[in-house]
Amino acid sequence: MKKLNNRGMALSGMLYTILVLFLALLFGILALVSSGRFTLDKLKKEVYSAINGDSAQLVTYASEDKTVITISSPVKIGKYFIADSLSYVDEDNITYTEVEPVTKLVIEYEPPKNGIYVIYTLDVQGRKNKFTFIVENVIHIYDNGEPVYFNPEYYESCTEEEYQEDLLDYSSTGKPNGQKNGCMKWYVFNDDGDMYVDMILDHNVVQRAYYNSAEDKNTASTILSQIPSEWDEDLNARLLSKDDLKGILGMDDIPNDIIYLASKTTTQASSVDYGWLNDNLANCSVSNCNNQDNSIFNFAGSSKTSAGYYIGIVSTSNNYHVRTINTDQSINRERAKNSNTQTGLRPVITVNRLAFENFLGF
C-alpha cells in the first residue's frame, strides 16, 4: 500500500509539473502575440501621426506574401515614411524588431502602375524584401497651367521663394525673359497621372531667334541648338508639339489657319484659362496673360520685344512658314528665318513627378 501511495504521489507530481509547464507555455505564447499586436498598433499610430490631415484613414492588412496599405483620402506624406514603418512587418502583419529608418536602405522602386507601388529594401541581414503599396487618391493631378518650381540644371524642385530670389538675381526688374538657369517657374499640362509630367517654361530662354538659319521649316535645328547645355539631358527639352496642343485644347487636330486658343477658331478671342501659354510676352496683358514682359532685345541688327515662341508644327500651306504662339493667344505662323522676328525659344520638358512632388512614391 505504501508503494502505491508513493507511485500516486509521483504521478501527481508529474502531472502538476506538466500543468505548470503547459500554463507557462500558454502564457508565453499569449504574451508574444500580445507583444506583436502591441508593436503593430504602435506602428499604425506612428504612421497615422505622420499623415498631414485628420481626415486620412489608414487601413492595414495582410494579403498573401505582401503588406498592403490603403489610404482613403488625399494626403501629403513624407517620402518613404510608410516604408520606414513597414519594412520589417511580415506577411502576418506583426513587427518583431525596431530598426533604423528604411529611407537609408531602399535599393529599388518600380514606377507606379494603376495606383500600385512596389519598393525593394535590404533588411539587417542583407536580404532583399519586396513590398507592395496600393494607394488611392494620393497623387496630385495637375490642372493645365498649374505652376511648379523646378531647376533644370540639377533636376530638382525648388520653392517659390527660391524662384523669386533667382529671378531677382537675373533681373532687377523681375522680368524673366532670357533667364536660362536657376529655380524657374513652369506650367504643367496634360497630366494623366503617369510617372512623368510635361511642363512648359513661363518665359523664353532665348528672346528672339531663327527657327532655322537655313530657312528650312522641316527641322528646328537652329532653335533647338540653343537649349541650355547645362540642363539635365534626361529632361528631353523640346518644343510644344501638335499632340500637346491637341490635348490642351481638346481638339482632334490643329488646323493650318491662324486660330485663337480661346475660340479654337479664326475668331479672335483670349481667355485667362490660357494666360499661362502667352505668359511674359510683350503687350500680352490685353490678351489675358498671367504676366507681361515688354523688355527690348537686340537680334539681327534690330531691337524689339519678345512677342511669341516657336512650336513644333510646320505650316502646310507655305514652304517657309513654321507655327508660333503669339502674345495675342493666337497659333500663328512666320518664316523659319525672319530677321525681324519677335519669336523665341520656350522649352517643354518631361519630368519624373517624384522630383518635385511630395507624395507616396519612391
Protein backbone atom coordinates (compact mmCIF):
# COMPACT_ATOMS: atom_id res chain seq x y z
CA MET A 1 0.00 0.00 0.00
CA LYS A 2 2.88 2.38 0.81
CA LYS A 3 4.44 1.73 -2.62
CA LEU A 4 1.13 2.50 -4.28
CA ASN A 5 0.83 5.76 -2.37
CA ASN A 6 4.37 6.72 -3.37
CA ARG A 7 3.59 5.97 -7.01
CA GLY A 8 0.41 8.03 -6.77
CA MET A 9 2.28 10.96 -5.32
CA ALA A 10 4.95 10.69 -8.02
CA LEU A 11 2.29 10.62 -10.75
CA SER A 12 0.55 13.61 -9.22
CA GLY A 13 3.86 15.47 -9.13
CA MET A 14 4.49 14.74 -12.79
CA LEU A 15 1.01 15.89 -13.77
CA TYR A 16 1.45 19.05 -11.73
CA THR A 17 4.78 19.76 -13.38
CA ILE A 18 3.29 19.21 -16.84
CA LEU A 19 0.40 21.52 -15.96
CA VAL A 20 2.79 24.23 -14.79
CA LEU A 21 4.88 23.90 -17.94
CA PHE A 22 1.74 23.97 -20.12
CA LEU A 23 0.44 27.11 -18.40
CA ALA A 24 3.86 28.76 -18.67
CA LEU A 25 3.99 27.95 -22.39
CA LEU A 26 0.43 29.20 -22.91
CA PHE A 27 1.11 32.46 -21.13
CA GLY A 28 4.32 32.83 -23.09
CA ILE A 29 2.51 32.42 -26.41
CA LEU A 30 -0.20 34.88 -25.33
CA ALA A 31 2.46 37.36 -24.25
CA LEU A 32 4.25 37.01 -27.61
CA VAL A 33 1.04 37.56 -29.56
CA SER A 34 0.09 40.47 -27.32
CA SER A 35 3.55 42.00 -27.78
CA GLY A 36 3.31 41.61 -31.54
CA ARG A 37 -0.11 43.21 -31.62
CA PHE A 38 1.06 46.00 -29.34
CA THR A 39 4.02 46.70 -31.61
CA LEU A 40 1.80 46.68 -34.69
CA ASP A 41 -0.72 49.02 -33.02
CA LYS A 42 2.15 51.32 -32.08
CA LEU A 43 3.35 51.16 -35.68
CA LYS A 44 -0.07 52.13 -37.00
CA LYS A 45 -0.22 55.09 -34.62
CA GLU A 46 3.21 56.26 -35.74
CA VAL A 47 2.20 56.05 -39.39
CA TYR A 48 -1.10 57.79 -38.74
CA SER A 49 0.54 60.57 -36.73
CA ALA A 50 2.82 61.37 -39.68
CA ILE A 51 -0.06 61.90 -42.07
CA ASN A 52 -0.97 65.54 -42.56
CA GLY A 53 -4.72 65.66 -42.38
CA ASP A 54 -7.12 64.32 -39.78
CA SER A 55 -9.45 63.05 -42.49
CA ALA A 56 -6.93 60.43 -43.63
CA GLN A 57 -7.83 56.86 -42.77
CA LEU A 58 -5.19 54.16 -42.67
CA VAL A 59 -6.14 50.51 -43.11
CA THR A 60 -3.51 47.76 -42.80
CA TYR A 61 -3.97 44.10 -43.65
CA ALA A 62 -2.02 41.12 -44.96
CA SER A 63 -2.50 39.68 -48.41
CA GLU A 64 -0.53 36.58 -49.39
CA ASP A 65 3.15 37.45 -49.06
CA LYS A 66 2.87 41.23 -49.17
CA THR A 67 1.75 44.05 -46.96
CA VAL A 68 -0.98 46.17 -48.48
CA ILE A 69 -1.70 49.75 -47.45
CA THR A 70 -4.80 51.65 -48.47
CA ILE A 71 -5.15 55.37 -47.85
CA SER A 72 -8.67 56.52 -48.43
CA SER A 73 -8.27 60.26 -48.82
CA PRO A 74 -5.76 62.66 -50.41
CA VAL A 75 -2.87 63.31 -48.04
CA LYS A 76 0.68 64.51 -48.20
CA ILE A 77 3.13 62.01 -46.78
CA GLY A 78 6.86 62.39 -46.44
CA LYS A 79 8.63 60.26 -48.98
CA TYR A 80 9.47 56.80 -47.69
CA PHE A 81 7.76 57.32 -44.33
CA ILE A 82 5.42 54.37 -44.63
CA ALA A 83 8.29 52.33 -45.99
CA ASP A 84 10.20 53.30 -42.86
CA SER A 85 7.50 51.82 -40.71
CA LEU A 86 6.65 48.71 -42.67
CA SER A 87 9.95 47.43 -43.95
CA TYR A 88 10.10 44.82 -41.22
CA VAL A 89 6.44 43.93 -40.96
CA ASP A 90 5.98 40.34 -42.09
CA GLU A 91 3.11 38.80 -44.04
CA ASP A 92 1.21 38.26 -40.77
CA ASN A 93 1.31 41.98 -40.03
CA ILE A 94 3.48 41.58 -36.94
CA THR A 95 6.53 43.71 -36.31
CA TYR A 96 9.32 41.95 -34.45
CA THR A 97 12.20 44.42 -34.50
CA GLU A 98 12.71 48.14 -34.09
CA VAL A 99 15.13 49.16 -36.87
CA GLU A 100 16.74 52.22 -38.41
CA PRO A 101 14.55 54.12 -40.92
CA VAL A 102 14.48 52.30 -44.22
CA THR A 103 14.93 55.53 -46.12
CA LYS A 104 18.61 54.69 -45.92
CA LEU A 105 18.03 51.16 -47.19
CA VAL A 106 15.62 51.40 -50.14
CA ILE A 107 17.53 49.96 -53.08
CA GLU A 108 14.97 49.84 -55.91
CA TYR A 109 11.49 51.00 -56.81
CA GLU A 110 9.11 50.33 -59.64
CA PRO A 111 7.15 53.25 -61.17
CA PRO A 112 3.51 53.23 -60.07
CA LYS A 113 1.04 51.47 -62.29
CA ASN A 114 -2.69 51.82 -61.72
CA GLY A 115 -2.02 53.22 -58.26
CA ILE A 116 0.20 50.31 -57.19
CA TYR A 117 3.72 50.96 -55.92
CA VAL A 118 6.47 48.41 -55.35
CA ILE A 119 9.68 49.01 -53.42
CA TYR A 120 12.59 46.76 -52.58
CA THR A 121 14.60 47.10 -49.40
CA LEU A 122 17.54 45.41 -47.74
CA ASP A 123 16.93 44.10 -44.21
CA VAL A 124 19.54 43.98 -41.49
CA GLN A 125 20.70 40.56 -42.69
CA GLY A 126 21.21 41.93 -46.21
CA ARG A 127 18.19 40.11 -47.65
CA LYS A 128 16.13 41.74 -50.39
CA ASN A 129 12.50 42.35 -49.43
CA LYS A 130 9.63 43.35 -51.69
CA PHE A 131 6.66 45.42 -50.53
CA THR A 132 3.59 46.49 -52.45
CA PHE A 133 1.51 49.57 -51.68
CA ILE A 134 -1.93 50.27 -53.08
CA VAL A 135 -2.61 54.00 -52.84
CA GLU A 136 -5.84 55.75 -53.70
CA ASN A 137 -6.13 59.48 -54.45
CA VAL A 138 -2.68 60.41 -53.23
CA ILE A 139 -1.10 61.53 -56.49
CA HIS A 140 -1.98 65.13 -57.23
CA ILE A 141 -3.29 65.53 -60.79
CA TYR A 142 -2.23 68.94 -62.06
CA ASP A 143 -4.60 71.21 -63.91
CA ASN A 144 -3.43 72.64 -67.22
CA GLY A 145 -1.39 75.71 -66.41
CA GLU A 146 -0.80 74.86 -62.76
CA PRO A 147 2.63 76.22 -61.76
CA VAL A 148 5.53 74.31 -60.24
CA TYR A 149 9.06 75.47 -59.48
CA PHE A 150 11.94 73.47 -60.87
CA ASN A 151 15.68 73.76 -61.51
CA PRO A 152 16.51 72.08 -64.87
CA GLU A 153 20.24 72.11 -64.27
CA TYR A 154 20.03 69.94 -61.17
CA TYR A 155 16.77 68.12 -61.96
CA GLU A 156 15.24 69.14 -58.66
CA SER A 157 12.27 71.02 -57.31
CA CYS A 158 12.56 74.36 -55.62
CA THR A 159 10.32 76.77 -53.75
CA GLU A 160 8.53 79.92 -54.82
CA GLU A 161 10.85 81.87 -52.53
CA GLU A 162 13.92 80.41 -54.28
CA TYR A 163 12.32 81.25 -57.63
CA GLN A 164 11.87 84.88 -56.59
CA GLU A 165 15.47 85.09 -55.36
CA ASP A 166 16.93 83.64 -58.57
CA LEU A 167 14.69 85.83 -60.72
CA LEU A 168 15.86 88.99 -58.98
CA ASP A 169 19.47 87.81 -59.29
CA TYR A 170 18.89 87.57 -63.04
CA SER A 171 16.82 90.72 -63.48
CA SER A 172 16.43 93.59 -61.05
CA THR A 173 13.08 94.34 -62.68
CA GLY A 174 11.79 90.82 -62.06
CA LYS A 175 11.29 90.11 -65.77
CA PRO A 176 12.34 86.53 -66.63
CA ASN A 177 12.79 86.52 -70.42
CA GLY A 178 16.29 85.27 -71.19
CA GLN A 179 16.77 83.52 -67.84
CA LYS A 180 18.22 80.07 -68.54
CA ASN A 181 19.18 78.60 -65.17
CA GLY A 182 18.28 78.54 -61.52
CA CYS A 183 14.90 77.98 -59.97
CA MET A 184 12.27 78.85 -62.58
CA LYS A 185 8.50 78.69 -62.95
CA TRP A 186 6.94 76.03 -65.16
CA TYR A 187 3.37 75.20 -66.11
CA VAL A 188 2.24 71.57 -66.08
CA PHE A 189 -0.13 70.40 -68.80
CA ASN A 190 -1.94 67.24 -69.93
CA ASP A 191 -1.22 65.43 -66.65
CA ASP A 192 -2.79 61.97 -66.85
CA GLY A 193 -1.37 60.66 -63.59
CA ASP A 194 1.60 58.81 -65.08
CA MET A 195 5.02 58.88 -63.51
CA TYR A 196 6.19 61.62 -65.89
CA VAL A 197 4.65 65.03 -66.46
CA ASP A 198 5.18 67.61 -69.20
CA MET A 199 5.84 71.23 -68.31
CA ILE A 200 6.44 74.40 -70.31
CA LEU A 201 8.57 77.28 -69.07
CA ASP A 202 6.80 80.54 -68.21
CA HIS A 203 9.18 82.62 -70.39
CA ASN A 204 11.52 82.48 -73.37
CA VAL A 205 15.07 81.37 -72.59
CA VAL A 206 16.06 82.86 -75.98
CA GLN A 207 14.08 86.02 -76.60
CA ARG A 208 14.41 86.30 -80.39
CA ALA A 209 15.91 83.72 -82.76
CA TYR A 210 15.67 81.95 -86.08
CA TYR A 211 13.77 78.70 -86.21
CA ASN A 212 16.32 77.58 -88.79
CA SER A 213 19.05 79.84 -90.15
CA ALA A 214 18.90 77.93 -93.46
CA GLU A 215 15.19 78.74 -93.73
CA ASP A 216 14.34 75.05 -93.65
CA LYS A 217 10.98 74.68 -91.93
CA ASN A 218 11.33 70.90 -91.66
CA THR A 219 13.93 70.98 -88.92
CA ALA A 220 14.20 73.14 -85.81
CA SER A 221 17.95 72.65 -85.63
CA THR A 222 18.83 76.31 -85.06
CA ILE A 223 16.34 77.00 -82.32
CA LEU A 224 16.79 73.66 -80.56
CA SER A 225 20.56 74.07 -80.56
CA GLN A 226 20.02 76.98 -78.17
CA ILE A 227 18.51 74.88 -75.41
CA PRO A 228 20.88 75.48 -72.48
CA SER A 229 23.58 72.81 -72.44
CA GLU A 230 23.66 72.89 -68.64
CA TRP A 231 20.19 71.38 -68.39
CA ASP A 232 19.93 67.74 -67.42
CA GLU A 233 19.71 65.74 -70.64
CA ASP A 234 17.07 63.42 -69.16
CA LEU A 235 14.59 66.30 -69.38
CA ASN A 236 14.43 65.81 -73.17
CA ALA A 237 13.81 69.52 -73.80
CA ARG A 238 11.77 70.18 -76.94
CA LEU A 239 9.19 72.49 -78.49
CA LEU A 240 5.49 72.37 -77.69
CA SER A 241 4.06 69.79 -80.11
CA LYS A 242 0.85 69.34 -82.05
CA ASP A 243 -0.18 66.49 -79.73
CA ASP A 244 0.50 68.73 -76.72
CA LEU A 245 -1.81 71.42 -78.11
CA LYS A 246 -4.48 68.92 -79.10
CA GLY A 247 -4.57 67.72 -75.51
CA ILE A 248 -4.58 71.21 -74.03
CA LEU A 249 -7.33 72.48 -76.32
CA GLY A 250 -9.33 69.26 -76.53
CA MET A 251 -9.15 69.28 -80.34
CA ASP A 252 -8.79 66.38 -82.76
CA ASP A 253 -6.36 68.36 -84.89
CA ILE A 254 -4.73 71.79 -85.15
CA PRO A 255 -5.81 73.46 -88.41
CA ASN A 256 -3.34 75.24 -90.64
CA ASP A 257 -5.25 78.53 -90.25
CA ILE A 258 -4.31 81.17 -87.73
CA ILE A 259 -6.55 80.29 -84.81
CA TYR A 260 -7.01 81.55 -81.26
CA LEU A 261 -6.66 79.41 -78.18
CA ALA A 262 -9.87 80.61 -76.54
CA SER A 263 -12.17 80.27 -79.55
CA LYS A 264 -10.28 77.41 -81.23
CA THR A 265 -11.25 79.12 -84.50
CA THR A 266 -10.17 82.10 -86.58
CA THR A 267 -12.36 84.31 -84.40
CA GLN A 268 -10.10 86.49 -82.27
CA ALA A 269 -10.53 85.83 -78.57
CA SER A 270 -8.46 85.39 -75.41
CA SER A 271 -9.08 83.89 -72.00
CA VAL A 272 -7.44 83.76 -68.59
CA ASP A 273 -7.68 79.98 -68.94
CA TYR A 274 -4.81 80.17 -71.44
CA GLY A 275 -2.92 83.02 -69.79
CA TRP A 276 -0.09 80.62 -68.99
CA LEU A 277 0.55 79.97 -72.69
CA ASN A 278 1.20 83.63 -73.57
CA ASP A 279 2.85 84.47 -70.26
CA ASN A 280 5.68 87.03 -70.19
CA LEU A 281 5.25 88.22 -73.77
CA ALA A 282 5.12 91.84 -74.95
CA ASN A 283 1.80 93.67 -74.54
CA CYS A 284 0.08 90.45 -73.56
CA SER A 285 -1.90 91.94 -70.68
CA VAL A 286 -4.68 92.90 -73.10
CA SER A 287 -4.88 89.22 -74.05
CA ASN A 288 -5.22 87.82 -70.54
CA CYS A 289 -1.66 86.64 -69.93
CA ASN A 290 -0.51 85.97 -66.38
CA ASN A 291 2.42 88.42 -66.60
CA GLN A 292 3.73 90.88 -69.18
CA ASP A 293 7.34 91.50 -70.26
CA ASN A 294 7.98 94.44 -72.60
CA SER A 295 11.77 94.22 -72.39
CA ILE A 296 13.67 95.11 -75.57
CA PHE A 297 16.05 92.55 -77.10
CA ASN A 298 18.57 93.00 -79.89
CA PHE A 299 18.75 90.48 -82.71
CA ALA A 300 19.99 90.62 -86.32
CA GLY A 301 20.51 94.39 -86.11
CA SER A 302 17.07 95.27 -84.73
CA SER A 303 15.77 95.96 -81.24
CA LYS A 304 12.33 94.57 -80.47
CA THR A 305 10.31 92.93 -77.76
CA SER A 306 9.72 89.19 -77.47
CA ALA A 307 6.16 88.58 -78.62
CA GLY A 308 5.94 84.84 -79.25
CA TYR A 309 7.66 81.48 -79.30
CA TYR A 310 8.08 78.64 -81.78
CA ILE A 311 6.12 75.41 -81.51
CA GLY A 312 6.83 72.09 -83.18
CA ILE A 313 4.32 72.43 -86.02
CA VAL A 314 5.07 73.47 -89.59
CA SER A 315 2.73 75.23 -91.97
CA THR A 316 1.38 73.03 -94.73
CA SER A 317 0.36 75.96 -96.95
CA ASN A 318 3.72 77.66 -97.22
CA ASN A 319 7.15 76.26 -97.96
CA TYR A 320 8.90 78.51 -95.43
CA HIS A 321 6.46 79.00 -92.59
CA VAL A 322 6.53 77.48 -89.12
CA ARG A 323 3.95 77.86 -86.35
CA THR A 324 4.18 80.07 -83.30
CA ILE A 325 2.17 81.04 -80.25
CA ASN A 326 1.91 84.79 -80.03
CA THR A 327 1.17 87.46 -77.49
CA ASP A 328 -2.50 87.66 -78.53
CA GLN A 329 -3.04 83.95 -77.73
CA SER A 330 -3.03 83.01 -81.39
CA ILE A 331 -1.45 79.98 -83.02
CA ASN A 332 0.20 81.96 -85.79
CA ARG A 333 2.98 81.43 -88.34
CA GLU A 334 6.11 83.09 -89.66
CA ARG A 335 9.12 82.33 -91.82
CA ALA A 336 11.68 79.90 -90.45
CA LYS A 337 14.29 82.63 -90.96
CA ASN A 338 12.96 86.10 -90.21
CA SER A 339 15.43 88.87 -89.35
CA ASN A 340 12.63 90.96 -87.84
CA THR A 341 11.34 88.10 -85.73
CA GLN A 342 9.91 88.69 -82.28
CA THR A 343 9.76 84.96 -81.68
CA GLY A 344 11.97 82.98 -79.31
CA LEU A 345 12.53 79.64 -77.61
CA ARG A 346 10.27 78.40 -74.81
CA PRO A 347 11.14 74.77 -73.99
CA VAL A 348 8.93 71.94 -72.84
CA ILE A 349 10.49 69.33 -70.55
CA THR A 350 9.36 65.94 -69.27
CA VAL A 351 9.98 65.39 -65.56
CA ASN A 352 9.58 62.47 -63.18
CA ARG A 353 6.98 63.79 -60.75
CA LEU A 354 8.99 62.37 -57.85
CA ALA A 355 11.47 65.19 -58.44
CA PHE A 356 9.03 67.88 -57.36
CA GLU A 357 6.05 66.24 -55.70
CA ASN A 358 5.83 65.07 -52.11
CA PHE A 359 3.51 62.08 -52.32
CA LEU A 360 3.64 58.40 -51.54
CA GLY A 361 6.08 57.24 -54.17
CA PHE A 362 9.65 56.05 -54.21
